[in-house]
Amino acid sequence: MAEREMKARAEVLDGKDELAAKRREFILDTAPDHAADAAGVYLDGNSLGALPANVEARVVDVITREWGQLRIRSWDESGWWTAPERIGDRLAPLLGAAPGQVVVADSTSVNIFKALVAAVRIVQEDGDTERDEIVVDSTTFPTDGYIASSAARLTGCRLIPVAPADVPGVLGPRTAAVLLNHADYRSGRLHDLPGLTAAVHAVGALVVWDLCHTAGALPIGLDEHGVDLAVGCTYKYLNGGPGSPAYLYVRKEHQPRFDSPLPGWNSHVEPFGMRADYEPADDAVRGRVGTPDILSLLAFDAALDVWEGVSTAAVRAKSLALTDFFLECVAAYVPEGRVESITPVAHAERGSQIALRCPDAAAVMKLLIERGVVGDYRAPDVLRFGFTPLYVSFADAERAARVLADTLAEAPGGP
């Protein structure tokens, strides 16, 4: 009875979904909606987004015509040289940012380093030389912590790791910069970007937000909430492809004093002047370093086409509806006590993934993938399921929960 009811609800919800047509713009290993259970379900877009259907033709054109025929002329004639800031302006609305504040270049790790060191330098340039503390999210993705530690050594600061909820309690006159993740990569917990940004500003410090696990899944509001600097990858909910370049947001008011610790020739005011002295360019171009990765950068440019006519508010509404429905299906299909959701129930505290804890998570995820439900596993005991609203359907959510229940029943730790 539960299966019949949940399948019927999924069909109704998919019928009302205003984003349903977007699914056809992706290459998915799935049969049409509501088809046989042989259809696969991809719930790992929080690690690597699916391929937008138009990207292949764009990359082929870049390789065969722009590179193969025009060759070096493409730096000018195909707009390669200005691509980082041009594509940054295309991405900016999804981050809640006005044009001229985002560049797409380098990796997330490199951009975190640039942003965090620059934040400390801006604060200390204001005369606050006694500000010698960097606060970092202690639950962060490991790379952020590694980079924060290196930035602290470089700037002579003391590193203070603390859980996001406890950040206000450690802020003070010695705080220079704070590095936070918008969502916890394990649990999917969404942190309070507006509130924590305001708390950091209240003590005169600057904040750097890592948006890897939220951009493309919900509204960010960088300009609205006064965020100083932000970074993020483009290969998760933004579907840019494996290793696609990251982005760096530098708030307009900070750009004249953005002092990058990696002053490469691409961020020089006169890059082809080949001058021995470094003079930074204007605007967000200061965030560039070296030659951009043109093939992956232009693949991401094409991937952004799927966002035409899509509002982040609609994406967020579907994300919450999908994750709510998935949790309902899990409750209906999975025996009580077999798994435990560690993702917050409250919408204001939830990103776009569901994390379920079970003792045999690694083995369970391996079996799920073999059965066509692709999520991922995080040690020691977490199953992660990412819900990308542009291509995940409610039927996907129902089937994933049902296959999960069947798999758990057969797994070593099953009933």
Protein backbone atom coordinates (compact mmCIF):
# COMPACT_ATOMS: atom_id res chain seq x y z
CA MET A 1 0.00 0.00 0.00
CA ALA A 2 2.80 2.43 0.90
CA GLU A 3 4.55 1.83 -2.43
CA ARG A 4 1.39 2.46 -4.45
CA GLU A 5 0.65 5.63 -2.50
CA MET A 6 4.19 7.02 -2.79
CA LYS A 7 4.38 6.30 -6.52
CA ALA A 8 1.05 8.05 -7.05
CA ARG A 9 2.21 11.06 -5.06
CA ALA A 10 5.44 11.21 -7.06
CA GLU A 11 3.46 11.26 -10.29
CA VAL A 12 1.27 14.11 -9.04
CA LEU A 13 4.26 16.12 -7.82
CA ASP A 14 6.14 15.63 -11.10
CA GLY A 15 3.05 16.72 -12.98
CA LYS A 16 3.03 20.02 -11.09
CA ASP A 17 6.80 20.60 -11.31
CA GLU A 18 7.54 23.86 -13.14
CA LEU A 19 11.16 22.78 -13.66
CA ALA A 20 10.31 19.35 -15.11
CA ALA A 21 11.16 20.35 -18.68
CA LYS A 22 14.74 21.15 -17.64
CA ARG A 23 15.38 17.44 -17.16
CA ARG A 24 15.40 17.01 -20.94
CA GLU A 25 18.36 19.40 -21.21
CA PHE A 26 20.69 16.90 -19.50
CA ILE A 27 22.29 13.62 -20.53
CA LEU A 28 20.99 11.18 -17.93
CA ASP A 29 21.25 7.42 -17.64
CA THR A 30 17.54 7.21 -17.06
CA ALA A 31 14.43 6.13 -18.89
CA PRO A 32 11.55 8.64 -19.32
CA ASP A 33 9.74 9.75 -16.19
CA HIS A 34 7.64 7.03 -14.54
CA ALA A 35 9.06 4.35 -16.81
CA ALA A 36 10.13 0.90 -15.70
CA ASP A 37 12.31 0.45 -12.65
CA ALA A 38 15.26 -0.24 -14.92
CA ALA A 39 15.74 3.53 -14.99
CA GLY A 40 18.77 4.78 -13.12
CA VAL A 41 18.65 7.51 -10.48
CA TYR A 42 21.51 9.99 -10.20
CA LEU A 43 21.71 11.54 -6.73
CA ASP A 44 25.37 12.54 -6.71
CA GLY A 45 25.08 15.99 -8.24
CA ASN A 46 26.48 17.38 -4.98
CA SER A 47 29.80 15.80 -6.06
CA LEU A 48 29.59 15.98 -9.86
CA GLY A 49 26.67 17.44 -11.76
CA ALA A 50 25.19 15.72 -14.80
CA LEU A 51 26.20 16.71 -18.32
CA PRO A 52 24.04 19.39 -19.97
CA ALA A 53 23.17 18.18 -23.45
CA ASN A 54 24.47 21.28 -25.25
CA VAL A 55 28.00 21.13 -23.82
CA GLU A 56 29.39 18.51 -26.20
CA ALA A 57 28.72 20.56 -29.34
CA ARG A 58 30.20 23.67 -27.73
CA VAL A 59 33.39 21.89 -26.72
CA VAL A 60 33.72 20.32 -30.16
CA ASP A 61 33.45 23.80 -31.69
CA VAL A 62 36.05 25.19 -29.31
CA ILE A 63 38.45 22.38 -30.20
CA THR A 64 37.90 22.15 -33.95
CA ARG A 65 37.26 25.78 -34.90
CA GLU A 66 38.46 28.12 -32.17
CA TRP A 67 41.60 26.14 -31.38
CA GLY A 68 41.99 24.02 -34.54
CA GLN A 69 41.40 26.79 -37.09
CA LEU A 70 41.74 30.18 -35.42
CA ARG A 71 44.44 29.04 -33.02
CA ILE A 72 46.04 31.98 -31.21
CA ARG A 73 43.63 34.43 -32.84
CA SER A 74 40.92 33.05 -30.53
CA TRP A 75 42.33 34.92 -27.55
CA ASP A 76 40.86 38.01 -29.19
CA GLU A 77 38.40 36.84 -31.85
CA SER A 78 36.73 34.15 -29.71
CA GLY A 79 36.90 36.15 -26.50
CA TRP A 80 39.17 33.74 -24.67
CA TRP A 81 41.11 36.47 -22.86
CA THR A 82 38.09 38.05 -21.22
CA ALA A 83 36.25 34.76 -20.59
CA PRO A 84 36.92 34.59 -16.80
CA GLU A 85 35.13 37.85 -16.08
CA ARG A 86 32.54 37.49 -18.87
CA ILE A 87 31.49 34.07 -17.58
CA GLY A 88 31.71 35.43 -14.05
CA ASP A 89 29.04 37.96 -14.99
CA ARG A 90 26.86 35.13 -16.34
CA LEU A 91 27.27 33.23 -13.08
CA ALA A 92 26.77 36.27 -10.84
CA PRO A 93 22.92 36.25 -10.80
CA LEU A 94 22.95 32.70 -9.43
CA LEU A 95 25.07 34.00 -6.53
CA GLY A 96 22.98 37.11 -5.97
CA ALA A 97 25.76 39.38 -7.22
CA ALA A 98 25.82 42.36 -9.54
CA PRO A 99 28.16 42.29 -12.57
CA GLY A 100 31.85 43.06 -12.20
CA GLN A 101 32.42 41.13 -8.97
CA VAL A 102 32.99 37.51 -10.04
CA VAL A 103 35.79 35.85 -11.99
CA VAL A 104 35.78 32.19 -12.98
CA ALA A 105 39.31 30.85 -12.74
CA ASP A 106 41.63 28.55 -10.82
CA SER A 107 40.49 25.97 -8.26
CA THR A 108 38.45 26.41 -5.09
CA SER A 109 41.56 25.84 -2.98
CA VAL A 110 43.55 28.52 -4.81
CA ASN A 111 40.66 30.97 -4.56
CA ILE A 112 40.23 30.34 -0.83
CA PHE A 113 43.91 31.15 -0.35
CA LYS A 114 43.65 34.35 -2.37
CA ALA A 115 40.46 35.47 -0.61
CA LEU A 116 41.55 34.70 2.94
CA VAL A 117 44.98 36.33 2.70
CA ALA A 118 43.48 39.35 0.93
CA ALA A 119 40.83 39.67 3.66
CA VAL A 120 43.50 39.80 6.38
CA ARG A 121 45.51 42.35 4.40
CA ILE A 122 42.48 44.58 3.89
CA VAL A 123 41.69 44.62 7.60
CA GLN A 124 45.28 45.21 8.65
CA GLU A 125 45.67 47.94 6.03
CA ASP A 126 42.90 49.80 7.85
CA GLY A 127 45.27 50.14 10.80
CA ASP A 128 43.99 47.15 12.74
CA THR A 129 47.45 45.58 12.98
CA GLU A 130 46.48 43.91 16.24
CA ARG A 131 43.93 41.82 14.37
CA ASP A 132 45.90 38.61 14.22
CA GLU A 133 43.29 35.85 14.35
CA ILE A 134 41.68 33.84 11.57
CA VAL A 135 38.55 31.92 12.54
CA VAL A 136 37.81 28.81 10.48
CA ASP A 137 34.88 26.41 10.39
CA SER A 138 36.12 23.36 12.33
CA THR A 139 33.62 21.10 10.52
CA THR A 140 34.79 22.28 7.12
CA PHE A 141 35.81 20.28 4.08
CA PRO A 142 39.46 19.41 4.85
CA THR A 143 41.00 21.53 2.08
CA ASP A 144 39.53 24.71 3.57
CA GLY A 145 41.23 23.93 6.86
CA TYR A 146 44.56 23.20 5.19
CA ILE A 147 44.44 26.46 3.26
CA ALA A 148 43.37 28.46 6.32
CA SER A 149 46.32 27.07 8.26
CA SER A 150 48.73 28.09 5.51
CA ALA A 151 47.14 31.55 5.22
CA ALA A 152 47.50 32.02 8.98
CA ARG A 153 51.21 31.18 8.85
CA LEU A 154 51.76 33.51 5.90
CA THR A 155 50.01 36.45 7.57
CA GLY A 156 51.32 35.84 11.08
CA CYS A 157 47.87 35.06 12.42
CA ARG A 158 46.64 32.52 14.95
CA LEU A 159 44.13 30.01 13.60
CA ILE A 160 40.97 29.42 15.64
CA PRO A 161 38.89 26.41 14.52
CA VAL A 162 35.30 26.51 15.77
CA ALA A 163 31.91 25.12 14.77
CA PRO A 164 29.83 27.65 12.78
CA ALA A 165 27.18 27.94 15.50
CA ASP A 166 29.89 28.95 17.97
CA VAL A 167 31.56 31.57 15.76
CA PRO A 168 29.88 34.62 17.39
CA GLY A 169 31.32 33.60 20.75
CA VAL A 170 34.95 33.72 19.59
CA LEU A 171 34.80 36.94 17.58
CA GLY A 172 36.45 40.04 18.98
CA PRO A 173 38.88 42.93 18.40
CA ARG A 174 41.65 40.55 17.31
CA THR A 175 39.57 38.81 14.62
CA ALA A 176 40.81 39.62 11.13
CA ALA A 177 38.94 37.17 8.91
CA VAL A 178 36.51 34.28 9.14
CA LEU A 179 36.23 31.36 6.69
CA LEU A 180 32.93 29.49 6.69
CA ASN A 181 31.15 26.86 4.62
CA HIS A 182 27.60 27.67 3.62
CA ALA A 183 26.61 24.01 4.00
CA ASP A 184 28.23 21.11 5.84
CA TYR A 185 29.47 18.66 3.22
CA ARG A 186 28.69 15.63 5.38
CA SER A 187 25.28 16.38 6.82
CA GLY A 188 23.91 18.98 4.41
CA ARG A 189 23.27 21.39 7.30
CA LEU A 190 22.83 24.93 5.98
CA HIS A 191 24.56 27.61 8.02
CA ASP A 192 23.19 31.10 8.66
CA LEU A 193 24.96 33.21 6.03
CA PRO A 194 23.13 36.48 6.77
CA GLY A 195 23.40 36.16 10.55
CA LEU A 196 27.03 35.05 10.68
CA THR A 197 28.07 37.68 8.13
CA ALA A 198 26.47 40.36 10.30
CA ALA A 199 28.19 38.98 13.42
CA VAL A 200 31.60 39.11 11.72
CA HIS A 201 31.02 42.66 10.52
CA ALA A 202 29.91 43.74 13.98
CA VAL A 203 33.45 43.21 15.27
CA GLY A 204 35.11 44.85 12.26
CA ALA A 205 36.33 41.69 10.55
CA LEU A 206 35.75 40.30 7.05
CA VAL A 207 34.11 37.01 6.06
CA VAL A 208 34.90 34.53 3.29
CA TRP A 209 32.15 32.06 2.39
CA ASP A 210 32.70 28.72 0.65
CA LEU A 211 29.60 28.12 -1.51
CA CYS A 212 30.61 24.79 -3.07
CA HIS A 213 27.63 22.89 -1.65
CA THR A 214 24.95 25.54 -2.16
CA ALA A 215 25.47 27.60 -5.33
CA GLY A 216 23.04 26.34 -7.95
CA ALA A 217 20.76 24.76 -5.35
CA LEU A 218 19.39 27.80 -3.52
CA PRO A 219 19.50 31.61 -3.50
CA ILE A 220 22.73 32.97 -2.00
CA GLY A 221 22.29 36.76 -1.83
CA LEU A 222 25.93 37.82 -1.71
CA ASP A 223 25.24 41.49 -2.40
CA GLU A 224 22.07 41.59 -0.32
CA HIS A 225 23.76 40.21 2.79
CA GLY A 226 26.97 42.21 2.48
CA VAL A 227 29.30 39.25 2.00
CA ASP A 228 32.90 40.38 1.57
CA LEU A 229 34.42 37.53 -0.40
CA ALA A 230 33.17 34.15 -1.59
CA VAL A 231 34.48 31.16 -3.47
CA GLY A 232 33.06 27.97 -4.89
CA CYS A 233 33.42 25.19 -7.42
CA THR A 234 31.33 24.90 -10.59
CA TYR A 235 31.14 21.13 -11.03
CA LYS A 236 28.46 20.27 -8.46
CA TYR A 237 25.01 21.88 -8.69
CA LEU A 238 26.28 24.18 -11.46
CA ASN A 239 27.08 21.18 -13.73
CA GLY A 240 30.33 22.58 -15.14
CA GLY A 241 32.06 19.22 -15.59
CA PRO A 242 34.89 17.40 -13.79
CA GLY A 243 37.59 19.81 -12.71
CA SER A 244 35.79 22.83 -14.13
CA PRO A 245 37.25 26.10 -12.82
CA ALA A 246 36.09 27.66 -9.59
CA TYR A 247 35.01 31.25 -9.01
CA LEU A 248 35.96 34.14 -6.79
CA TYR A 249 33.59 36.90 -5.68
CA VAL A 250 35.14 40.18 -4.50
CA ARG A 251 32.65 42.72 -3.23
CA LYS A 252 32.83 45.97 -5.20
CA GLU A 253 33.88 48.10 -2.23
CA HIS A 254 36.82 45.81 -1.46
CA GLN A 255 38.21 45.57 -4.99
CA PRO A 256 40.53 48.62 -4.81
CA ARG A 257 42.27 47.05 -1.79
CA PHE A 258 42.18 43.41 -2.86
CA ASP A 259 45.86 42.49 -2.50
CA SER A 260 46.24 39.00 -3.91
CA PRO A 261 49.00 36.78 -2.51
CA LEU A 262 49.29 35.33 -6.03
CA PRO A 263 49.84 38.38 -8.25
CA GLY A 264 49.99 36.68 -11.63
CA TRP A 265 50.33 38.31 -15.00
CA ASN A 266 46.64 37.85 -15.80
CA SER A 267 45.70 40.21 -12.98
CA HIS A 268 48.20 42.88 -14.06
CA VAL A 269 46.81 46.19 -15.30
CA GLU A 270 48.94 45.73 -18.43
CA PRO A 271 49.43 41.97 -18.81
CA PHE A 272 51.19 42.15 -22.17
CA GLY A 273 53.40 45.03 -21.11
CA MET A 274 55.72 42.47 -19.50
CA ARG A 275 56.74 45.02 -16.86
CA ALA A 276 58.95 43.99 -13.98
CA ASP A 277 56.79 45.84 -11.46
CA TYR A 278 53.36 44.55 -10.53
CA GLU A 279 50.38 46.89 -10.75
CA PRO A 280 46.98 45.26 -10.22
CA ALA A 281 44.13 45.63 -12.67
CA ASP A 282 40.83 47.19 -11.71
CA ASP A 283 37.72 45.40 -10.52
CA ALA A 284 37.39 41.65 -9.99
CA VAL A 285 40.09 41.01 -12.61
CA ARG A 286 42.46 41.35 -9.64
CA GLY A 287 41.33 37.87 -8.67
CA ARG A 288 42.91 36.26 -11.74
CA VAL A 289 46.38 34.70 -11.65
CA GLY A 290 47.57 32.82 -14.73
CA THR A 291 46.34 31.60 -18.10
CA PRO A 292 42.74 30.34 -17.84
CA ASP A 293 41.80 26.72 -18.56
CA ILE A 294 39.99 27.50 -21.78
CA LEU A 295 38.48 24.10 -22.61
CA SER A 296 36.89 23.52 -19.20
CA LEU A 297 36.06 27.20 -18.79
CA LEU A 298 34.08 27.29 -22.04
CA ALA A 299 32.42 23.98 -21.22
CA PHE A 300 31.12 25.64 -18.05
CA ASP A 301 30.02 28.65 -20.10
CA ALA A 302 27.86 26.32 -22.20
CA ALA A 303 26.57 24.56 -19.08
CA LEU A 304 25.22 27.87 -17.81
CA ASP A 305 22.74 27.89 -20.70
CA VAL A 306 20.47 25.52 -18.75
CA TRP A 307 19.83 28.32 -16.27
CA GLU A 308 18.11 30.54 -18.83
CA GLY A 309 14.66 31.42 -17.51
CA VAL A 310 15.22 29.66 -14.17
CA SER A 311 14.86 31.43 -10.83
CA THR A 312 16.86 30.29 -7.84
CA ALA A 313 13.69 30.66 -5.76
CA ALA A 314 12.00 27.99 -7.88
CA VAL A 315 15.06 25.77 -7.57
CA ARG A 316 15.04 26.14 -3.81
CA ALA A 317 11.33 25.36 -3.57
CA LYS A 318 11.78 22.16 -5.55
CA SER A 319 14.89 21.20 -3.59
CA LEU A 320 13.02 21.38 -0.31
CA ALA A 321 10.02 19.53 -1.74
CA LEU A 322 12.27 16.77 -3.13
CA THR A 323 14.19 16.27 0.09
CA ASP A 324 10.98 16.36 2.15
CA PHE A 325 9.43 13.72 -0.11
CA PHE A 326 12.53 11.54 -0.06
CA LEU A 327 12.54 11.54 3.75
CA GLU A 328 8.85 10.59 3.73
CA CYS A 329 9.56 7.71 1.36
CA VAL A 330 12.46 6.54 3.52
CA ALA A 331 10.19 6.60 6.57
CA ALA A 332 7.55 4.62 4.66
CA TYR A 333 9.90 1.99 3.21
CA VAL A 334 12.82 1.56 5.61
CA PRO A 335 12.32 -0.21 8.95
CA GLU A 336 12.53 2.20 11.89
CA GLY A 337 16.00 2.43 13.37
CA ARG A 338 17.81 1.04 10.31
CA VAL A 339 19.02 4.49 9.22
CA GLU A 340 19.17 7.88 10.90
CA SER A 341 18.92 11.18 9.04
CA ILE A 342 21.55 13.65 10.21
CA THR A 343 20.26 16.36 7.88
CA PRO A 344 18.19 19.00 9.68
CA VAL A 345 14.42 18.78 9.26
CA ALA A 346 13.98 22.56 9.39
CA HIS A 347 14.05 24.06 5.90
CA ALA A 348 16.12 27.05 7.01
CA GLU A 349 18.87 24.67 8.11
CA ARG A 350 18.88 22.29 5.13
CA GLY A 351 20.90 22.46 1.95
CA SER A 352 20.05 20.23 -1.01
CA GLN A 353 21.22 16.85 0.19
CA ILE A 354 20.06 14.19 2.60
CA ALA A 355 22.62 12.34 4.71
CA LEU A 356 21.62 9.06 6.28
CA ARG A 357 23.73 7.33 8.90
CA CYS A 358 23.92 3.53 8.96
CA PRO A 359 26.66 1.25 10.29
CA ASP A 360 27.34 -0.51 6.99
CA ALA A 361 27.16 2.60 4.81
CA ALA A 362 30.11 1.76 2.55
CA ALA A 363 28.72 -1.65 1.61
CA VAL A 364 25.19 -0.30 1.21
CA MET A 365 26.26 2.46 -1.16
CA LYS A 366 28.24 -0.01 -3.27
CA LEU A 367 25.11 -2.14 -3.65
CA LEU A 368 22.93 0.89 -4.38
CA ILE A 369 25.21 1.99 -7.19
CA GLU A 370 25.18 -1.52 -8.65
CA ARG A 371 21.37 -1.26 -8.67
CA GLY A 372 21.33 2.07 -10.45
CA VAL A 373 20.87 4.47 -7.53
CA VAL A 374 23.99 6.60 -7.45
CA GLY A 375 24.79 8.54 -4.31
CA ASP A 376 28.02 8.56 -2.37
CA TYR A 377 29.56 7.55 0.95
CA ARG A 378 31.45 9.56 3.55
CA ALA A 379 33.43 7.82 6.27
CA PRO A 380 32.69 6.37 8.62
CA ASP A 381 28.96 5.75 8.24
CA VAL A 382 27.16 8.32 6.05
CA LEU A 383 25.15 7.79 2.87
CA ARG A 384 24.84 11.07 0.94
CA PHE A 385 22.10 11.75 -1.58
CA GLY A 386 22.29 15.02 -3.51
CA PHE A 387 19.13 16.44 -5.07
CA THR A 388 19.76 18.65 -8.09
CA PRO A 389 16.36 20.23 -8.84
CA LEU A 390 17.02 20.86 -12.53
CA TYR A 391 17.11 17.16 -13.37
CA VAL A 392 16.02 15.07 -10.38
CA SER A 393 12.35 14.08 -10.36
CA PHE A 394 10.04 13.05 -7.55
CA ALA A 395 9.84 9.63 -9.19
CA ASP A 396 13.62 9.45 -8.78
CA ALA A 397 13.27 10.23 -5.08
CA GLU A 398 10.62 7.54 -4.58
CA ARG A 399 12.58 4.88 -6.44
CA ALA A 400 15.81 5.72 -4.60
CA ALA A 401 14.12 5.28 -1.22
CA ARG A 402 12.50 2.00 -2.32
CA VAL A 403 15.75 0.55 -3.65
CA LEU A 404 17.49 1.72 -0.47
CA ALA A 405 14.97 -0.21 1.63
CA ASP A 406 15.46 -3.37 -0.46
CA THR A 407 19.23 -3.00 -0.26
CA LEU A 408 19.24 -2.46 3.48
CA ALA A 409 17.15 -5.59 3.95
CA GLU A 410 19.78 -7.63 2.10
CA ALA A 411 22.91 -5.89 3.42
CA PRO A 412 24.94 -7.55 6.22
CA GLY A 413 23.45 -5.27 8.85
CA GLY A 414 19.88 -5.69 7.61
CA PRO A 415 16.92 -6.98 9.61
